[in-house]
Amino acid sequence: MTCNYCVVTIRKALKDIPGIKYLEISLSEKLIKIGGEFEEKALVRAIKSAGFTVEKK
């Protein structure tokens, strides 16, 4: 993630995933914090489909 457009793109990619209760995207830290009960594979697939890589911490 390098710009606000990246944040908007990721937010749009994740908006339809059921079970996400909390979503925080930090551009400065290049970090996404997500809470709730959701399918991790769907989350990763959505982020990758938006053109980003995923590194789980």
N, C-alpha and C. Protein backbone atom coordinates (compact mmCIF):
# COMPACT_ATOMS: atom_id res chain seq x y z
N MET A 1 0.85 -1.17 0.00
CA MET A 1 0.00 0.00 0.00
C MET A 1 0.89 1.23 0.00
N THR A 2 0.62 2.09 -0.93
CA THR A 2 1.46 3.28 -1.04
C THR A 2 0.69 4.60 -1.06
N CYS A 3 -0.64 4.53 -1.18
CA CYS A 3 -1.40 5.78 -1.28
C CYS A 3 -2.84 5.57 -0.78
N ASN A 4 -3.57 6.66 -0.69
CA ASN A 4 -4.96 6.58 -0.24
C ASN A 4 -5.83 5.77 -1.19
N TYR A 5 -5.48 5.77 -2.48
CA TYR A 5 -6.23 4.95 -3.44
C TYR A 5 -6.12 3.47 -3.07
N CYS A 6 -4.94 3.05 -2.60
CA CYS A 6 -4.75 1.66 -2.17
C CYS A 6 -5.71 1.33 -1.02
N VAL A 7 -5.81 2.23 -0.07
CA VAL A 7 -6.70 2.03 1.08
C VAL A 7 -8.15 1.89 0.61
N VAL A 8 -8.57 2.76 -0.28
CA VAL A 8 -9.94 2.71 -0.81
C VAL A 8 -10.17 1.41 -1.56
N THR A 9 -9.20 0.99 -2.36
CA THR A 9 -9.31 -0.24 -3.14
C THR A 9 -9.45 -1.45 -2.23
N ILE A 10 -8.65 -1.52 -1.19
CA ILE A 10 -8.72 -2.65 -0.25
C ILE A 10 -10.04 -2.63 0.51
N ARG A 11 -10.45 -1.46 0.95
CA ARG A 11 -11.72 -1.34 1.68
C ARG A 11 -12.88 -1.83 0.80
N LYS A 12 -12.89 -1.46 -0.47
CA LYS A 12 -13.93 -1.92 -1.40
C LYS A 12 -13.87 -3.43 -1.59
N ALA A 13 -12.66 -3.98 -1.67
CA ALA A 13 -12.50 -5.42 -1.88
C ALA A 13 -13.02 -6.23 -0.70
N LEU A 14 -12.93 -5.66 0.49
CA LEU A 14 -13.32 -6.39 1.71
C LEU A 14 -14.75 -6.12 2.16
N LYS A 15 -15.41 -5.13 1.59
CA LYS A 15 -16.73 -4.72 2.09
C LYS A 15 -17.80 -5.80 2.00
N ASP A 16 -17.68 -6.71 1.06
CA ASP A 16 -18.72 -7.73 0.87
C ASP A 16 -18.41 -9.06 1.55
N ILE A 17 -17.31 -9.13 2.28
CA ILE A 17 -16.97 -10.38 2.96
C ILE A 17 -17.78 -10.45 4.25
N PRO A 18 -18.61 -11.48 4.37
CA PRO A 18 -19.45 -11.60 5.57
C PRO A 18 -18.61 -11.88 6.81
N GLY A 19 -19.04 -11.31 7.92
CA GLY A 19 -18.42 -11.60 9.21
C GLY A 19 -17.39 -10.60 9.67
N ILE A 20 -16.98 -9.66 8.81
CA ILE A 20 -16.01 -8.66 9.24
C ILE A 20 -16.73 -7.64 10.11
N LYS A 21 -16.28 -7.53 11.35
CA LYS A 21 -16.89 -6.59 12.31
C LYS A 21 -16.04 -5.34 12.49
N TYR A 22 -14.74 -5.47 12.25
CA TYR A 22 -13.80 -4.38 12.52
C TYR A 22 -12.77 -4.35 11.39
N LEU A 23 -12.51 -3.19 10.84
CA LEU A 23 -11.52 -3.05 9.78
C LEU A 23 -10.77 -1.74 9.97
N GLU A 24 -9.47 -1.85 10.15
CA GLU A 24 -8.61 -0.67 10.29
C GLU A 24 -7.46 -0.82 9.31
N ILE A 25 -7.26 0.18 8.48
CA ILE A 25 -6.18 0.14 7.50
C ILE A 25 -5.23 1.29 7.80
N SER A 26 -3.95 0.94 8.04
CA SER A 26 -2.93 1.94 8.32
C SER A 26 -1.98 2.04 7.13
N LEU A 27 -2.06 3.14 6.42
CA LEU A 27 -1.19 3.35 5.27
C LEU A 27 0.26 3.50 5.72
N SER A 28 0.49 4.23 6.79
CA SER A 28 1.86 4.47 7.25
C SER A 28 2.55 3.18 7.70
N GLU A 29 1.78 2.26 8.29
CA GLU A 29 2.35 0.98 8.74
C GLU A 29 2.21 -0.12 7.70
N LYS A 30 1.46 0.16 6.62
CA LYS A 30 1.16 -0.84 5.59
C LYS A 30 0.56 -2.09 6.24
N LEU A 31 -0.47 -1.84 7.06
CA LEU A 31 -1.05 -2.89 7.89
C LEU A 31 -2.58 -2.80 7.87
N ILE A 32 -3.20 -3.96 7.83
CA ILE A 32 -4.66 -4.04 7.91
C ILE A 32 -5.00 -4.87 9.14
N LYS A 33 -5.83 -4.33 10.01
CA LYS A 33 -6.31 -5.07 11.18
C LYS A 33 -7.78 -5.38 10.96
N ILE A 34 -8.12 -6.66 11.10
CA ILE A 34 -9.49 -7.10 10.83
C ILE A 34 -9.97 -7.96 11.98
N GLY A 35 -11.18 -7.70 12.43
CA GLY A 35 -11.77 -8.49 13.49
C GLY A 35 -13.12 -9.03 13.07
N GLY A 36 -13.50 -10.13 13.68
CA GLY A 36 -14.79 -10.74 13.38
C GLY A 36 -14.63 -12.22 13.09
N GLU A 37 -15.68 -12.80 12.58
CA GLU A 37 -15.66 -14.21 12.21
C GLU A 37 -15.89 -14.28 10.70
N PHE A 38 -14.83 -14.56 9.97
CA PHE A 38 -14.88 -14.58 8.52
C PHE A 38 -13.98 -15.70 8.02
N GLU A 39 -14.17 -16.05 6.76
CA GLU A 39 -13.35 -17.09 6.15
C GLU A 39 -12.04 -16.45 5.68
N GLU A 40 -10.94 -16.90 6.27
CA GLU A 40 -9.63 -16.31 5.96
C GLU A 40 -9.29 -16.43 4.47
N LYS A 41 -9.64 -17.55 3.86
CA LYS A 41 -9.34 -17.74 2.44
C LYS A 41 -10.05 -16.70 1.58
N ALA A 42 -11.28 -16.36 1.94
CA ALA A 42 -12.04 -15.35 1.19
C ALA A 42 -11.38 -13.98 1.33
N LEU A 43 -10.88 -13.70 2.51
CA LEU A 43 -10.21 -12.44 2.78
C LEU A 43 -8.94 -12.32 1.94
N VAL A 44 -8.11 -13.35 1.97
CA VAL A 44 -6.86 -13.36 1.21
C VAL A 44 -7.16 -13.26 -0.28
N ARG A 45 -8.13 -14.00 -0.74
CA ARG A 45 -8.51 -14.00 -2.16
C ARG A 45 -8.94 -12.59 -2.60
N ALA A 46 -9.73 -11.92 -1.77
CA ALA A 46 -10.21 -10.57 -2.10
C ALA A 46 -9.06 -9.57 -2.19
N ILE A 47 -8.14 -9.65 -1.25
CA ILE A 47 -7.00 -8.72 -1.25
C ILE A 47 -6.10 -8.98 -2.46
N LYS A 48 -5.83 -10.25 -2.74
CA LYS A 48 -4.99 -10.58 -3.90
C LYS A 48 -5.68 -10.19 -5.21
N SER A 49 -6.99 -10.37 -5.28
CA SER A 49 -7.73 -9.99 -6.49
C SER A 49 -7.69 -8.49 -6.72
N ALA A 50 -7.51 -7.73 -5.64
CA ALA A 50 -7.41 -6.27 -5.76
C ALA A 50 -6.00 -5.84 -6.17
N GLY A 51 -5.07 -6.81 -6.29
CA GLY A 51 -3.73 -6.51 -6.76
C GLY A 51 -2.67 -6.36 -5.68
N PHE A 52 -2.96 -6.85 -4.48
CA PHE A 52 -2.03 -6.71 -3.37
C PHE A 52 -1.55 -8.07 -2.89
N THR A 53 -0.43 -8.09 -2.18
CA THR A 53 0.06 -9.32 -1.58
C THR A 53 -0.38 -9.36 -0.12
N VAL A 54 -0.39 -10.56 0.44
CA VAL A 54 -0.84 -10.74 1.82
C VAL A 54 0.27 -11.40 2.62
N GLU A 55 0.59 -10.81 3.76
CA GLU A 55 1.55 -11.39 4.70
C GLU A 55 0.87 -11.42 6.06
N LYS A 56 0.63 -12.61 6.57
CA LYS A 56 -0.06 -12.76 7.86
C LYS A 56 0.94 -12.57 8.99
N LYS A 57 0.55 -11.79 10.00
CA LYS A 57 1.41 -11.56 11.17
C LYS A 57 0.75 -12.07 12.40
